[in-house]
N, C-alpha and C. Protein backbone atom coordinates (compact mmCIF):
# COMPACT_ATOMS: atom_id res chain seq x y z
N UNK A 1 280.67 174.76 103.94
CA UNK A 1 279.54 175.26 103.17
C UNK A 1 278.25 174.86 103.91
N UNK A 2 277.33 175.80 104.08
CA UNK A 2 276.05 175.47 104.72
C UNK A 2 275.24 174.51 103.85
N UNK A 3 274.40 173.71 104.50
CA UNK A 3 273.53 172.77 103.81
C UNK A 3 272.13 172.91 104.39
N UNK A 4 271.15 173.05 103.53
CA UNK A 4 269.75 173.05 103.95
C UNK A 4 269.20 171.66 103.68
N UNK A 5 268.60 171.05 104.70
CA UNK A 5 268.03 169.71 104.56
C UNK A 5 266.52 169.80 104.79
N UNK A 6 265.75 169.30 103.83
CA UNK A 6 264.29 169.31 103.97
C UNK A 6 263.88 168.29 105.03
N UNK A 7 262.96 168.68 105.89
CA UNK A 7 262.56 167.85 107.01
C UNK A 7 261.25 167.11 106.78
N UNK A 8 260.40 167.61 105.89
CA UNK A 8 259.07 167.04 105.67
C UNK A 8 258.77 166.88 104.20
N UNK A 9 257.70 166.18 103.90
CA UNK A 9 257.24 166.05 102.53
C UNK A 9 257.90 164.90 101.80
N UNK A 10 257.57 164.78 100.53
CA UNK A 10 258.09 163.68 99.71
C UNK A 10 259.60 163.72 99.58
N UNK A 11 260.18 164.90 99.69
CA UNK A 11 261.63 165.05 99.51
C UNK A 11 262.36 165.18 100.84
N UNK A 12 261.75 164.74 101.93
CA UNK A 12 262.39 164.81 103.25
C UNK A 12 263.75 164.13 103.19
N UNK A 13 264.74 164.78 103.75
CA UNK A 13 266.10 164.26 103.74
C UNK A 13 266.95 164.79 102.60
N UNK A 14 266.31 165.42 101.60
CA UNK A 14 267.08 165.99 100.49
C UNK A 14 267.92 167.14 101.01
N UNK A 15 269.19 167.15 100.64
CA UNK A 15 270.14 168.16 101.13
C UNK A 15 270.56 169.08 99.99
N UNK A 16 270.63 170.38 100.30
CA UNK A 16 270.98 171.39 99.31
C UNK A 16 272.11 172.27 99.85
N UNK A 17 273.36 171.99 99.45
CA UNK A 17 274.45 172.87 99.86
C UNK A 17 274.32 174.20 99.10
N UNK A 18 274.72 175.28 99.74
CA UNK A 18 274.67 176.58 99.07
C UNK A 18 275.82 177.45 99.56
N UNK A 19 276.30 178.32 98.67
CA UNK A 19 277.37 179.25 99.03
C UNK A 19 277.04 180.66 98.55
N UNK A 20 275.78 180.87 98.25
CA UNK A 20 275.28 182.18 97.82
C UNK A 20 273.84 182.29 98.31
N UNK A 21 273.25 183.48 98.28
CA UNK A 21 271.84 183.60 98.68
C UNK A 21 270.95 182.71 97.82
N UNK A 22 269.94 182.10 98.46
CA UNK A 22 269.01 181.21 97.75
C UNK A 22 267.58 181.53 98.14
N UNK A 23 266.66 181.33 97.18
CA UNK A 23 265.23 181.53 97.41
C UNK A 23 264.58 180.15 97.56
N UNK A 24 263.71 180.02 98.56
CA UNK A 24 262.95 178.80 98.79
C UNK A 24 261.50 179.05 98.46
N UNK A 25 260.83 178.09 97.86
CA UNK A 25 259.42 178.22 97.55
C UNK A 25 258.93 177.06 96.72
N UNK A 26 257.64 177.08 96.38
CA UNK A 26 257.08 175.98 95.60
C UNK A 26 257.10 176.26 94.11
N UNK A 27 257.52 177.45 93.70
CA UNK A 27 257.55 177.81 92.28
C UNK A 27 258.80 177.34 91.57
N UNK A 28 258.71 177.24 90.26
CA UNK A 28 259.84 176.78 89.44
C UNK A 28 261.03 177.72 89.48
N UNK A 29 260.81 178.98 89.81
CA UNK A 29 261.92 179.95 89.83
C UNK A 29 262.68 179.94 91.15
N UNK A 30 262.20 179.20 92.13
CA UNK A 30 262.90 179.11 93.42
C UNK A 30 264.18 178.30 93.23
N UNK A 31 265.22 178.67 93.96
CA UNK A 31 266.47 177.91 93.91
C UNK A 31 266.29 176.54 94.56
N UNK A 32 265.52 176.49 95.65
CA UNK A 32 265.21 175.24 96.33
C UNK A 32 263.69 175.12 96.36
N UNK A 33 263.17 174.14 95.64
CA UNK A 33 261.73 173.96 95.52
C UNK A 33 261.24 173.06 96.64
N UNK A 34 260.22 173.52 97.37
CA UNK A 34 259.61 172.74 98.45
C UNK A 34 258.21 172.32 98.03
N UNK A 35 257.82 171.13 98.45
CA UNK A 35 256.52 170.60 98.05
C UNK A 35 255.48 170.79 99.16
N UNK A 36 255.34 172.03 99.59
CA UNK A 36 254.39 172.36 100.65
C UNK A 36 253.34 173.29 100.05
N UNK A 37 252.08 172.84 99.97
CA UNK A 37 251.05 173.68 99.36
C UNK A 37 250.81 174.99 100.10
N UNK A 38 251.22 175.09 101.36
CA UNK A 38 251.04 176.34 102.09
C UNK A 38 252.19 177.33 101.82
N UNK A 39 253.22 176.89 101.12
CA UNK A 39 254.34 177.77 100.78
C UNK A 39 254.00 178.61 99.56
N UNK A 40 254.50 179.82 99.54
CA UNK A 40 254.35 180.69 98.37
C UNK A 40 255.34 180.26 97.29
N UNK A 41 255.13 180.76 96.09
CA UNK A 41 256.06 180.42 95.00
C UNK A 41 257.48 180.87 95.33
N UNK A 42 257.61 182.06 95.90
CA UNK A 42 258.89 182.54 96.42
C UNK A 42 258.63 182.90 97.88
N UNK A 43 258.86 181.96 98.75
CA UNK A 43 258.43 182.04 100.14
C UNK A 43 259.44 182.73 101.05
N UNK A 44 260.70 182.36 100.91
CA UNK A 44 261.74 182.89 101.80
C UNK A 44 263.07 182.91 101.08
N UNK A 45 263.99 183.68 101.65
CA UNK A 45 265.33 183.78 101.07
C UNK A 45 266.35 183.63 102.18
N UNK A 46 267.40 182.86 101.91
CA UNK A 46 268.52 182.77 102.83
C UNK A 46 269.60 183.70 102.29
N UNK A 47 269.97 184.70 103.11
CA UNK A 47 270.97 185.70 102.73
C UNK A 47 272.13 185.68 103.70
N UNK A 48 273.29 186.09 103.23
CA UNK A 48 274.45 186.26 104.08
C UNK A 48 274.49 187.70 104.57
N UNK A 49 274.47 187.88 105.89
CA UNK A 49 274.56 189.20 106.51
C UNK A 49 275.79 189.20 107.39
N UNK A 50 276.85 189.85 106.90
CA UNK A 50 278.11 189.79 107.63
C UNK A 50 278.65 188.37 107.56
N UNK A 51 278.72 187.72 108.72
CA UNK A 51 279.19 186.33 108.78
C UNK A 51 278.06 185.35 109.09
N UNK A 52 276.83 185.83 109.14
CA UNK A 52 275.68 184.99 109.49
C UNK A 52 274.74 184.79 108.31
N UNK A 53 274.26 183.56 108.14
CA UNK A 53 273.20 183.28 107.19
C UNK A 53 271.88 183.53 107.90
N UNK A 54 270.97 184.25 107.25
CA UNK A 54 269.67 184.55 107.84
C UNK A 54 268.56 184.17 106.88
N UNK A 55 267.50 183.60 107.46
CA UNK A 55 266.31 183.24 106.69
C UNK A 55 265.31 184.36 106.81
N UNK A 56 264.88 184.91 105.67
CA UNK A 56 263.95 186.03 105.66
C UNK A 56 262.71 185.71 104.84
N UNK A 57 261.56 186.05 105.39
CA UNK A 57 260.29 185.89 104.69
C UNK A 57 260.24 186.88 103.54
N UNK A 58 259.73 186.45 102.39
CA UNK A 58 259.59 187.33 101.23
C UNK A 58 258.16 187.85 101.12
N UNK A 59 257.60 188.24 102.28
CA UNK A 59 256.24 188.78 102.35
C UNK A 59 255.22 187.78 101.84
N UNK A 60 255.47 186.50 102.11
CA UNK A 60 254.52 185.46 101.72
C UNK A 60 253.27 185.54 102.59
N UNK A 61 252.17 185.09 102.06
CA UNK A 61 250.90 185.16 102.78
C UNK A 61 250.91 184.30 104.04
N UNK A 62 251.59 183.16 104.01
CA UNK A 62 251.57 182.23 105.14
C UNK A 62 252.89 182.19 105.91
N UNK A 63 253.80 183.07 105.61
CA UNK A 63 255.16 182.87 106.07
C UNK A 63 255.60 183.44 107.39
N UNK A 64 255.03 184.52 107.85
CA UNK A 64 255.59 185.19 109.01
C UNK A 64 255.78 184.28 110.22
N UNK A 65 254.74 183.60 110.66
CA UNK A 65 254.87 182.74 111.83
C UNK A 65 255.83 181.60 111.56
N UNK A 66 255.70 180.96 110.42
CA UNK A 66 256.56 179.83 110.09
C UNK A 66 258.02 180.26 110.02
N UNK A 67 258.31 181.38 109.39
CA UNK A 67 259.69 181.84 109.27
C UNK A 67 260.25 182.22 110.64
N UNK A 68 259.48 182.88 111.47
CA UNK A 68 259.96 183.23 112.80
C UNK A 68 260.32 181.97 113.58
N UNK A 69 259.50 180.93 113.47
CA UNK A 69 259.79 179.67 114.14
C UNK A 69 261.13 179.12 113.66
N UNK A 70 261.33 179.08 112.32
CA UNK A 70 262.58 178.56 111.79
C UNK A 70 263.76 179.42 112.22
N UNK A 71 263.58 180.73 112.17
CA UNK A 71 264.68 181.62 112.53
C UNK A 71 265.12 181.36 113.97
N UNK A 72 264.16 181.22 114.87
CA UNK A 72 264.50 181.01 116.28
C UNK A 72 265.13 179.65 116.52
N UNK A 73 264.68 178.64 115.80
CA UNK A 73 265.13 177.28 116.11
C UNK A 73 266.27 176.78 115.24
N UNK A 74 266.39 177.26 114.01
CA UNK A 74 267.32 176.62 113.10
C UNK A 74 268.38 177.52 112.48
N UNK A 75 268.05 178.73 112.19
CA UNK A 75 268.94 179.53 111.36
C UNK A 75 269.82 180.45 112.19
N UNK A 76 271.05 180.38 111.98
CA UNK A 76 272.08 181.28 112.45
C UNK A 76 273.36 180.52 112.23
N UNK A 77 273.74 180.43 111.00
CA UNK A 77 274.90 179.65 110.59
C UNK A 77 276.05 180.59 110.32
N UNK A 78 277.10 180.44 111.04
CA UNK A 78 278.29 181.26 110.84
C UNK A 78 279.00 180.83 109.57
N UNK A 79 279.37 181.79 108.75
CA UNK A 79 280.09 181.51 107.52
C UNK A 79 281.43 180.85 107.87
N UNK A 80 281.71 179.74 107.26
CA UNK A 80 282.99 179.06 107.49
C UNK A 80 282.96 178.10 108.66
N UNK A 81 281.83 177.97 109.36
CA UNK A 81 281.80 177.05 110.50
C UNK A 81 281.13 175.75 110.12
């Protein structure tokens, strides 16, 4: 099962296993809440595409550059690996 681990902020080191698509953001409706004031309430979504997990920006105001950075450096998790 993939695990998302927060790298910064007060909750750095907090780990969130997931086995379904999840929304990340600073709002209460996000599946994984991040304490970053530059994050949108619903900032990004991790979706399963075929056998790969992909991080996608949810058209957040501050997200495009940040999400591209994460996509290039961190995200590409094969299902079952």
